[in-house]
Amino acid sequence: MKNIGLWVLFLPIFFGIGVQSYNKDLEMTVLYDRTQGLKPGNKVYLQDKAIGIVKAVKVDTKGLFKVSLQIEKDFRQMVTDHCRFIIQDDLQWPEDRSVGIICMAEGGKPLSDGAMVKGSTSFAVLLEEGGRELEAWSKRFREEMDRWEKNLRHLPEKEWYKRLEREMKYWARELEHVGEKTRRQFIEKVLPTLEEAIRGLKRHLEEKGREEDVRPLERKLEEFKTI
């Protein structure tokens, strides 16, 4: 009975600690190999809703960028080990950057304070989704290309296709680490969408006599076919 009495005394303490941890904002870190212009004060989005901010961006001795995030307490249980963290344009201010959280599956274990996870890219997420549901993957990629084309209206023209060129180089590196099946799926299901987007950009530049500007993208496109 004495032992039971002690546990009764300590239960409120343990329970209070558990409640307290979920009654405050989630502080966590995401590791990226590049920041793409991300900076403190940028927003964090989950399902198109702003749920937090970037607190700090630091680089470690290995050249990795440590991005500290603060997630509002009301949303912290939705941030789980099934989530992926990508750097994207801000949904409200396209000239700014933000962190987008994509939930790959329902459920999962909520991340704890101090959690450190590896960042992802929109393309890596597309590859991950593609392994399970090709049609959804192709649809997401088309949406991604539509987003790039819409950005043409918000970004300086040169910046738009230079950024796309950088992304394509990164995608090529990503493809080197996937299986033959996924690589073939990319070429058959997704590459046509990318080709269509680049053709549209070329037509736009041809009207201004600057079709040479799109040559690097076309060369990278041909490289994709030989990966």
Foldseek 3Di string as FASTA:
>chain_A
DVVVVVCVVCVVVVVVVVVVQLQFWAKEKEKDLDDVQAAWPAFEDEPLDTFWTFHGWDADPVNIIITIITGGSVCQQVAAPQKAWEKAARPVQRVHIYIYIDRNDPDHGGDGHHYYYYHDYLLVVLLVVCVPDVVVSLVSLLVVLVVLVVCCVVDPVLVSVVVVLVVLVVNVVVLVPDDPVSLVSCVPRHLVSVVVSLVVSLVVVVVVVRNVSSVSVVVSSVVSVVD
